[in-house]
Amino acid sequence: MTRVITKKSLSFAAIAAIGACTLCCAVPLLATAGVGVGALSAVAGAVRPGAALTLAVAGVGVLGLLALRARAGRGSACGAACAIGGGSGCGRADEANLFSSAAPRPGEPIVCTADLRDQPTVQAQLDGYAAAFEQLLRVEKRDGKARWIFANRPGLADELRQLAENEHQCCRFFKFDLRVVGETIVWETTAAPDAVPVLDEFARLPERLSQHPRGSAVQPIKQAIAAAGLSFASDASRPK
């Protein structure tokens, strides 16, 4: 927290008070001695008992007002920076939520409802992941959660939000949380205990995409995640 009253501001206030006292005491003496009779006499005539204290208080008041205005300016700048997720000196205000899906309902089936026969849509989602993973810093997994940590490059937040929203539409058994933390973006996926094997495989998506050329990853990824326990609604709807 920025302090309004500092050693520096108190020093200025003390100098102002001493200067005011010196001025008020010296002016009548100089006027009496005949130094600068015209101007000094006029000033001396205007000085009344207690004027030194009045000037000192006024000086301290002016300094206090300037300090408050400086603090307000810094606060406004900090607020603007935090609002866009870039403030590094605002406590935890540099953390901003981007997306948070609803928690799965009890007993939510571990089923992907995406229509894998819609190849352009499926490929667009995978291409979006592949582009985003170019900024991936690390993967973390623990306690039923998996995190992808990304470098926060311009435009990535919107891209990841769209990917997370799309994923939530077809995978309601996961909970997705996306947030900016300083210079990173954290994508966190949470799974119920019976869906942890599927979560483990989902967290390997960066690795899976790097293993297969563009356009050839859908089936290998589907097979791997199906082996972990995920079912696909589009498979059930196919004619036998």
C-alpha atoms as a PDB file:
ATOM      1  CA  MET A   1       0.000   0.000   0.000  1.00  0.00           C
ATOM      2  CA  THR A   2       1.338   3.459  -0.928  1.00  0.00           C
ATOM      3  CA  ARG A   3       1.886   5.705   2.094  1.00  0.00           C
ATOM      4  CA  VAL A   4       0.664   9.275   1.800  1.00  0.00           C
ATOM      5  CA  ILE A   5       2.787  10.513   4.723  1.00  0.00           C
ATOM      6  CA  THR A   6       6.441   9.722   4.110  1.00  0.00           C
ATOM      7  CA  LYS A   7       9.733  10.964   5.505  1.00  0.00           C
ATOM      8  CA  LYS A   8      10.198  13.013   2.377  1.00  0.00           C
ATOM      9  CA  SER A   9       6.798  14.735   2.639  1.00  0.00           C
ATOM     10  CA  LEU A  10       7.298  15.413   6.374  1.00  0.00           C
ATOM     11  CA  SER A  11      10.690  16.964   5.606  1.00  0.00           C
ATOM     12  CA  PHE A  12       9.109  19.291   3.064  1.00  0.00           C
ATOM     13  CA  ALA A  13       6.396  20.209   5.570  1.00  0.00           C
ATOM     14  CA  ALA A  14       9.010  21.003   8.256  1.00  0.00           C
ATOM     15  CA  ILE A  15      10.998  23.147   5.815  1.00  0.00           C
ATOM     16  CA  ALA A  16       7.825  24.985   4.845  1.00  0.00           C
ATOM     17  CA  ALA A  17       6.919  25.626   8.503  1.00  0.00           C
ATOM     18  CA  ILE A  18      10.420  26.847   9.392  1.00  0.00           C
ATOM     19  CA  GLY A  19      10.518  29.034   6.314  1.00  0.00           C
ATOM     20  CA  ALA A  20       7.160  30.571   7.199  1.00  0.00           C
ATOM     21  CA  CYS A  21       8.256  31.295  10.759  1.00  0.00           C
ATOM     22  CA  THR A  22      11.551  32.789   9.592  1.00  0.00           C
ATOM     23  CA  LEU A  23       9.806  34.954   7.065  1.00  0.00           C
ATOM     24  CA  CYS A  24       7.234  36.251   9.523  1.00  0.00           C
ATOM     25  CA  CYS A  25       9.855  37.007  12.174  1.00  0.00           C
ATOM     26  CA  ALA A  26      12.436  38.503   9.827  1.00  0.00           C
ATOM     27  CA  VAL A  27      10.192  40.791   7.808  1.00  0.00           C
ATOM     28  CA  PRO A  28       9.262  43.150  10.712  1.00  0.00           C
ATOM     29  CA  LEU A  29      12.901  43.266  11.878  1.00  0.00           C
ATOM     30  CA  LEU A  30      14.167  44.113   8.433  1.00  0.00           C
ATOM     31  CA  ALA A  31      11.484  46.704   7.995  1.00  0.00           C
ATOM     32  CA  THR A  32      12.464  48.312  11.306  1.00  0.00           C
ATOM     33  CA  ALA A  33      16.111  48.361  10.224  1.00  0.00           C
ATOM     34  CA  GLY A  34      15.133  50.227   7.108  1.00  0.00           C
ATOM     35  CA  VAL A  35      16.048  47.518   4.646  1.00  0.00           C
ATOM     36  CA  GLY A  36      13.839  47.698   1.608  1.00  0.00           C
ATOM     37  CA  VAL A  37      11.512  50.132   3.325  1.00  0.00           C
ATOM     38  CA  GLY A  38       8.838  50.193   0.674  1.00  0.00           C
ATOM     39  CA  ALA A  39       8.176  46.528   0.027  1.00  0.00           C
ATOM     40  CA  LEU A  40       9.195  45.147   3.423  1.00  0.00           C
ATOM     41  CA  SER A  41       7.147  47.692   5.291  1.00  0.00           C
ATOM     42  CA  ALA A  42       4.124  46.799   3.314  1.00  0.00           C
ATOM     43  CA  VAL A  43       4.673  43.095   4.062  1.00  0.00           C
ATOM     44  CA  ALA A  44       5.403  43.790   7.722  1.00  0.00           C
ATOM     45  CA  GLY A  45       2.162  45.698   7.992  1.00  0.00           C
ATOM     46  CA  ALA A  46       0.278  42.733   6.674  1.00  0.00           C
ATOM     47  CA  VAL A  47       1.857  40.274   9.120  1.00  0.00           C
ATOM     48  CA  ARG A  48      -0.187  39.746  12.263  1.00  0.00           C
ATOM     49  CA  PRO A  49       0.512  37.711  15.408  1.00  0.00           C
ATOM     50  CA  GLY A  50      -0.058  34.009  14.704  1.00  0.00           C
ATOM     51  CA  ALA A  51       0.560  34.418  10.976  1.00  0.00           C
ATOM     52  CA  ALA A  52       3.581  32.102  11.133  1.00  0.00           C
ATOM     53  CA  LEU A  53       1.443  29.287  12.526  1.00  0.00           C
ATOM     54  CA  THR A  54      -1.206  29.983   9.922  1.00  0.00           C
ATOM     55  CA  LEU A  55       1.315  29.829   7.079  1.00  0.00           C
ATOM     56  CA  ALA A  56       2.877  26.647   8.443  1.00  0.00           C
ATOM     57  CA  VAL A  57      -0.502  24.928   8.703  1.00  0.00           C
ATOM     58  CA  ALA A  58      -1.341  26.098   5.194  1.00  0.00           C
ATOM     59  CA  GLY A  59       1.958  24.705   3.885  1.00  0.00           C
ATOM     60  CA  VAL A  60       1.330  21.323   5.480  1.00  0.00           C
ATOM     61  CA  GLY A  61      -2.202  21.338   4.082  1.00  0.00           C
ATOM     62  CA  VAL A  62      -0.980  22.010   0.548  1.00  0.00           C
ATOM     63  CA  LEU A  63       1.571  19.200   0.789  1.00  0.00           C
ATOM     64  CA  GLY A  64      -1.079  16.851   2.106  1.00  0.00           C
ATOM     65  CA  LEU A  65      -3.409  17.737  -0.763  1.00  0.00           C
ATOM     66  CA  LEU A  66      -0.657  17.118  -3.315  1.00  0.00           C
ATOM     67  CA  ALA A  67       0.149  13.745  -1.727  1.00  0.00           C
ATOM     68  CA  LEU A  68      -3.506  12.682  -1.819  1.00  0.00           C
ATOM     69  CA  ARG A  69      -3.780  13.688  -5.479  1.00  0.00           C
ATOM     70  CA  ALA A  70      -0.635  11.699  -6.313  1.00  0.00           C
ATOM     71  CA  ARG A  71      -1.997   8.678  -4.495  1.00  0.00           C
ATOM     72  CA  ALA A  72      -5.329   8.942  -6.337  1.00  0.00           C
ATOM     73  CA  GLY A  73      -3.473   9.090  -9.651  1.00  0.00           C
ATOM     74  CA  ARG A  74      -1.486   5.980  -8.814  1.00  0.00           C
ATOM     75  CA  GLY A  75      -4.653   4.190  -7.724  1.00  0.00           C
ATOM     76  CA  SER A  76      -6.415   5.007 -10.981  1.00  0.00           C
ATOM     77  CA  ALA A  77      -3.466   3.756 -13.024  1.00  0.00           C
ATOM     78  CA  CYS A  78      -3.337   0.570 -10.969  1.00  0.00           C
ATOM     79  CA  GLY A  79      -7.066   0.019 -11.377  1.00  0.00           C
ATOM     80  CA  ALA A  80      -6.854   0.393 -15.152  1.00  0.00           C
ATOM     81  CA  ALA A  81      -3.923  -2.006 -15.364  1.00  0.00           C
ATOM     82  CA  CYS A  82      -5.644  -4.588 -13.165  1.00  0.00           C
ATOM     83  CA  ALA A  83      -8.846  -4.342 -15.166  1.00  0.00           C
ATOM     84  CA  ILE A  84      -7.050  -5.667 -18.244  1.00  0.00           C
ATOM     85  CA  GLY A  85      -5.186  -8.292 -16.298  1.00  0.00           C
ATOM     86  CA  GLY A  86      -1.781  -6.654 -16.628  1.00  0.00           C
ATOM     87  CA  GLY A  87      -1.270  -4.952 -13.272  1.00  0.00           C
ATOM     88  CA  SER A  88       1.739  -6.454 -11.509  1.00  0.00           C
ATOM     89  CA  GLY A  89       1.715  -4.142  -8.508  1.00  0.00           C
ATOM     90  CA  CYS A  90      -1.924  -4.479  -7.462  1.00  0.00           C
ATOM     91  CA  GLY A  91      -1.816  -7.428  -5.070  1.00  0.00           C
ATOM     92  CA  ARG A  92      -3.957 -10.194  -6.525  1.00  0.00           C
ATOM     93  CA  ALA A  93      -5.792  -7.813  -8.836  1.00  0.00           C
ATOM     94  CA  ASP A  94      -3.519  -9.114 -11.606  1.00  0.00           C
ATOM     95  CA  GLU A  95      -5.625 -12.294 -11.522  1.00  0.00           C
ATOM     96  CA  ALA A  96      -8.735 -12.205 -13.710  1.00  0.00           C
ATOM     97  CA  ASN A  97     -11.284 -14.924 -14.413  1.00  0.00           C
ATOM     98  CA  LEU A  98     -11.884 -15.602 -18.100  1.00  0.00           C
ATOM     99  CA  PHE A  99     -14.267 -18.569 -18.002  1.00  0.00           C
ATOM    100  CA  SER A 100     -15.735 -20.902 -15.412  1.00  0.00           C
ATOM    101  CA  SER A 101     -18.120 -23.688 -16.356  1.00  0.00           C
ATOM    102  CA  ALA A 102     -20.784 -25.159 -14.116  1.00  0.00           C
ATOM    103  CA  ALA A 103     -19.781 -28.123 -11.980  1.00  0.00           C
ATOM    104  CA  PRO A 104     -20.943 -31.508 -13.303  1.00  0.00           C
ATOM    105  CA  ARG A 105     -24.234 -32.814 -11.978  1.00  0.00           C
ATOM    106  CA  PRO A 106     -24.027 -35.834  -9.677  1.00  0.00           C
ATOM    107  CA  GLY A 107     -23.797 -38.952 -11.795  1.00  0.00           C
ATOM    108  CA  GLU A 108     -23.054 -37.021 -15.002  1.00  0.00           C
ATOM    109  CA  PRO A 109     -22.216 -39.667 -17.644  1.00  0.00           C
ATOM    110  CA  ILE A 110     -18.695 -39.696 -19.002  1.00  0.00           C
ATOM    111  CA  VAL A 111     -19.821 -39.140 -22.555  1.00  0.00           C
ATOM    112  CA  CYS A 112     -18.613 -36.767 -25.255  1.00  0.00           C
ATOM    113  CA  THR A 113     -21.606 -35.396 -27.151  1.00  0.00           C
ATOM    114  CA  ALA A 114     -19.585 -33.869 -30.012  1.00  0.00           C
ATOM    115  CA  ASP A 115     -20.500 -35.180 -33.439  1.00  0.00           C
ATOM    116  CA  LEU A 116     -17.174 -36.517 -34.681  1.00  0.00           C
ATOM    117  CA  ARG A 117     -18.722 -36.941 -38.121  1.00  0.00           C
ATOM    118  CA  ASP A 118     -18.652 -33.127 -38.437  1.00  0.00           C
ATOM    119  CA  GLN A 119     -15.029 -33.185 -39.509  1.00  0.00           C
ATOM    120  CA  PRO A 120     -14.577 -29.415 -40.223  1.00  0.00           C
ATOM    121  CA  THR A 121     -15.787 -28.470 -36.728  1.00  0.00           C
ATOM    122  CA  VAL A 122     -13.728 -31.164 -35.015  1.00  0.00           C
ATOM    123  CA  GLN A 123     -10.612 -30.244 -36.989  1.00  0.00           C
ATOM    124  CA  ALA A 124     -11.092 -26.541 -36.241  1.00  0.00           C
ATOM    125  CA  GLN A 125     -11.152 -27.312 -32.502  1.00  0.00           C
ATOM    126  CA  LEU A 126      -7.974 -29.392 -32.739  1.00  0.00           C
ATOM    127  CA  ASP A 127      -6.270 -26.722 -34.845  1.00  0.00           C
ATOM    128  CA  GLY A 128      -7.193 -24.168 -32.194  1.00  0.00           C
ATOM    129  CA  TYR A 129      -5.602 -26.333 -29.523  1.00  0.00           C
ATOM    130  CA  ALA A 130      -2.481 -26.853 -31.612  1.00  0.00           C
ATOM    131  CA  ALA A 131      -2.029 -23.104 -32.098  1.00  0.00           C
ATOM    132  CA  ALA A 132      -2.597 -22.395 -28.395  1.00  0.00           C
ATOM    133  CA  PHE A 133      -0.163 -25.093 -27.305  1.00  0.00           C
ATOM    134  CA  GLU A 134       2.638 -23.172 -29.005  1.00  0.00           C
ATOM    135  CA  GLN A 135       2.447 -20.923 -25.913  1.00  0.00           C
ATOM    136  CA  LEU A 136       2.225 -23.820 -23.427  1.00  0.00           C
ATOM    137  CA  LEU A 137       4.763 -23.520 -20.619  1.00  0.00           C
ATOM    138  CA  ARG A 138       4.016 -26.647 -18.586  1.00  0.00           C
ATOM    139  CA  VAL A 139       1.406 -29.222 -17.568  1.00  0.00           C
ATOM    140  CA  GLU A 140       0.466 -29.896 -13.933  1.00  0.00           C
ATOM    141  CA  LYS A 141      -1.655 -32.784 -12.616  1.00  0.00           C
ATOM    142  CA  ARG A 142      -2.765 -33.478  -9.045  1.00  0.00           C
ATOM    143  CA  ASP A 143      -5.820 -34.241  -6.912  1.00  0.00           C
ATOM    144  CA  GLY A 144      -8.267 -34.730  -9.761  1.00  0.00           C
ATOM    145  CA  LYS A 145      -7.138 -31.542 -11.527  1.00  0.00           C
ATOM    146  CA  ALA A 146      -5.030 -30.904 -14.605  1.00  0.00           C
ATOM    147  CA  ARG A 147      -3.593 -27.506 -15.482  1.00  0.00           C
ATOM    148  CA  TRP A 148      -2.180 -26.165 -18.694  1.00  0.00           C
ATOM    149  CA  ILE A 149      -0.050 -23.080 -18.017  1.00  0.00           C
ATOM    150  CA  PHE A 150       0.308 -20.748 -21.006  1.00  0.00           C
ATOM    151  CA  ALA A 151       2.355 -17.631 -21.657  1.00  0.00           C
ATOM    152  CA  ASN A 152      -0.113 -14.758 -21.846  1.00  0.00           C
ATOM    153  CA  ARG A 153       0.506 -13.503 -25.359  1.00  0.00           C
ATOM    154  CA  PRO A 154      -1.888 -10.936 -26.911  1.00  0.00           C
ATOM    155  CA  GLY A 155      -5.102 -12.516 -28.166  1.00  0.00           C
ATOM    156  CA  LEU A 156      -4.556 -15.899 -26.525  1.00  0.00           C
ATOM    157  CA  ALA A 157      -7.097 -15.305 -23.742  1.00  0.00           C
ATOM    158  CA  ASP A 158      -9.960 -14.999 -26.241  1.00  0.00           C
ATOM    159  CA  GLU A 159      -8.801 -18.059 -28.169  1.00  0.00           C
ATOM    160  CA  LEU A 160      -8.600 -20.200 -25.039  1.00  0.00           C
ATOM    161  CA  ARG A 161     -11.975 -18.976 -23.791  1.00  0.00           C
ATOM    162  CA  GLN A 162     -13.591 -20.090 -27.036  1.00  0.00           C
ATOM    163  CA  LEU A 163     -11.891 -23.482 -26.866  1.00  0.00           C
ATOM    164  CA  ALA A 164     -13.001 -23.963 -23.246  1.00  0.00           C
ATOM    165  CA  GLU A 165     -16.594 -22.987 -24.053  1.00  0.00           C
ATOM    166  CA  ASN A 166     -16.650 -25.440 -26.962  1.00  0.00           C
ATOM    167  CA  GLU A 167     -15.208 -28.196 -24.794  1.00  0.00           C
ATOM    168  CA  HIS A 168     -17.771 -27.617 -22.075  1.00  0.00           C
ATOM    169  CA  GLN A 169     -20.602 -27.990 -24.591  1.00  0.00           C
ATOM    170  CA  CYS A 170     -19.630 -31.581 -25.323  1.00  0.00           C
ATOM    171  CA  CYS A 171     -17.911 -32.703 -22.106  1.00  0.00           C
ATOM    172  CA  ARG A 172     -20.217 -31.779 -19.209  1.00  0.00           C
ATOM    173  CA  PHE A 173     -18.521 -34.290 -16.920  1.00  0.00           C
ATOM    174  CA  PHE A 174     -15.531 -31.933 -16.659  1.00  0.00           C
ATOM    175  CA  LYS A 175     -15.370 -28.529 -14.994  1.00  0.00           C
ATOM    176  CA  PHE A 176     -13.284 -25.927 -16.793  1.00  0.00           C
ATOM    177  CA  ASP A 177     -11.764 -22.820 -15.237  1.00  0.00           C
ATOM    178  CA  LEU A 178      -9.704 -20.325 -17.190  1.00  0.00           C
ATOM    179  CA  ARG A 179      -7.967 -17.342 -15.604  1.00  0.00           C
ATOM    180  CA  VAL A 180      -5.180 -14.865 -16.119  1.00  0.00           C
ATOM    181  CA  VAL A 181      -2.496 -14.965 -13.425  1.00  0.00           C
ATOM    182  CA  GLY A 182       0.102 -12.262 -13.950  1.00  0.00           C
ATOM    183  CA  GLU A 183       1.946 -13.061 -17.164  1.00  0.00           C
ATOM    184  CA  THR A 184       0.359 -16.502 -17.563  1.00  0.00           C
ATOM    185  CA  ILE A 185      -3.031 -17.993 -18.406  1.00  0.00           C
ATOM    186  CA  VAL A 186      -4.069 -21.061 -16.417  1.00  0.00           C
ATOM    187  CA  TRP A 187      -6.518 -23.573 -17.897  1.00  0.00           C
ATOM    188  CA  GLU A 188      -7.686 -25.895 -15.123  1.00  0.00           C
ATOM    189  CA  THR A 189      -9.811 -28.978 -15.751  1.00  0.00           C
ATOM    190  CA  THR A 190     -11.412 -30.788 -12.804  1.00  0.00           C
ATOM    191  CA  ALA A 191     -12.855 -34.301 -12.890  1.00  0.00           C
ATOM    192  CA  ALA A 192     -14.867 -36.468 -10.548  1.00  0.00           C
ATOM    193  CA  PRO A 193     -12.975 -39.536  -9.251  1.00  0.00           C
ATOM    194  CA  ASP A 194     -14.519 -41.878 -11.835  1.00  0.00           C
ATOM    195  CA  ALA A 195     -13.419 -39.556 -14.657  1.00  0.00           C
ATOM    196  CA  VAL A 196      -9.790 -39.083 -13.553  1.00  0.00           C
ATOM    197  CA  PRO A 197      -8.421 -41.590 -16.122  1.00  0.00           C
ATOM    198  CA  VAL A 198     -10.151 -39.621 -18.880  1.00  0.00           C
ATOM    199  CA  LEU A 199      -8.764 -36.398 -17.413  1.00  0.00           C
ATOM    200  CA  ASP A 200      -5.241 -37.832 -17.438  1.00  0.00           C
ATOM    201  CA  GLU A 201      -5.576 -38.598 -21.134  1.00  0.00           C
ATOM    202  CA  PHE A 202      -7.146 -35.211 -21.886  1.00  0.00           C
ATOM    203  CA  ALA A 203      -4.175 -33.511 -20.202  1.00  0.00           C
ATOM    204  CA  ARG A 204      -1.911 -35.284 -22.708  1.00  0.00           C
ATOM    205  CA  LEU A 205      -3.576 -33.521 -25.638  1.00  0.00           C
ATOM    206  CA  PRO A 206      -0.517 -31.302 -26.313  1.00  0.00           C
ATOM    207  CA  GLU A 207       1.638 -34.408 -26.581  1.00  0.00           C
ATOM    208  CA  ARG A 208      -0.874 -36.260 -28.763  1.00  0.00           C
ATOM    209  CA  LEU A 209      -1.212 -33.366 -31.194  1.00  0.00           C
ATOM    210  CA  SER A 210       2.550 -33.075 -31.533  1.00  0.00           C
ATOM    211  CA  GLN A 211       2.764 -36.747 -32.514  1.00  0.00           C
ATOM    212  CA  HIS A 212       0.422 -36.542 -35.499  1.00  0.00           C
ATOM    213  CA  PRO A 213       0.373 -34.277 -38.566  1.00  0.00           C
ATOM    214  CA  ARG A 214      -2.523 -31.875 -38.974  1.00  0.00           C
ATOM    215  CA  GLY A 215      -5.663 -33.679 -40.115  1.00  0.00           C
ATOM    216  CA  SER A 216      -4.580 -37.107 -38.890  1.00  0.00           C
ATOM    217  CA  ALA A 217      -4.952 -36.758 -35.123  1.00  0.00           C
ATOM    218  CA  VAL A 218      -8.677 -37.297 -34.621  1.00  0.00           C
ATOM    219  CA  GLN A 219      -8.738 -41.093 -34.666  1.00  0.00           C
ATOM    220  CA  PRO A 220      -5.571 -41.674 -32.579  1.00  0.00           C
ATOM    221  CA  ILE A 221      -6.773 -39.204 -29.939  1.00  0.00           C
ATOM    222  CA  LYS A 222     -10.250 -40.730 -29.939  1.00  0.00           C
ATOM    223  CA  GLN A 223      -8.866 -44.222 -29.497  1.00  0.00           C
ATOM    224  CA  ALA A 224      -6.580 -43.208 -26.642  1.00  0.00           C
ATOM    225  CA  ILE A 225      -9.244 -41.340 -24.690  1.00  0.00           C
ATOM    226  CA  ALA A 226     -11.841 -44.046 -25.341  1.00  0.00           C
ATOM    227  CA  ALA A 227      -9.448 -46.583 -23.850  1.00  0.00           C
ATOM    228  CA  ALA A 228      -9.345 -44.366 -20.733  1.00  0.00           C
ATOM    229  CA  GLY A 229     -13.131 -44.679 -20.350  1.00  0.00           C
ATOM    230  CA  LEU A 230     -14.766 -41.979 -22.492  1.00  0.00           C
ATOM    231  CA  SER A 231     -17.807 -42.862 -24.608  1.00  0.00           C
ATOM    232  CA  PHE A 232     -18.949 -40.941 -27.697  1.00  0.00           C
ATOM    233  CA  ALA A 233     -22.601 -40.179 -28.324  1.00  0.00           C
ATOM    234  CA  SER A 234     -22.050 -40.083 -32.085  1.00  0.00           C
ATOM    235  CA  ASP A 235     -20.954 -43.748 -32.015  1.00  0.00           C
ATOM    236  CA  ALA A 236     -24.227 -44.784 -30.351  1.00  0.00           C
ATOM    237  CA  SER A 237     -26.263 -42.925 -32.988  1.00  0.00           C
ATOM    238  CA  ARG A 238     -24.641 -44.693 -35.915  1.00  0.00           C
ATOM    239  CA  PRO A 239     -26.689 -47.360 -37.633  1.00  0.00           C
ATOM    240  CA  LYS A 240     -25.588 -50.897 -36.875  1.00  0.00           C
END
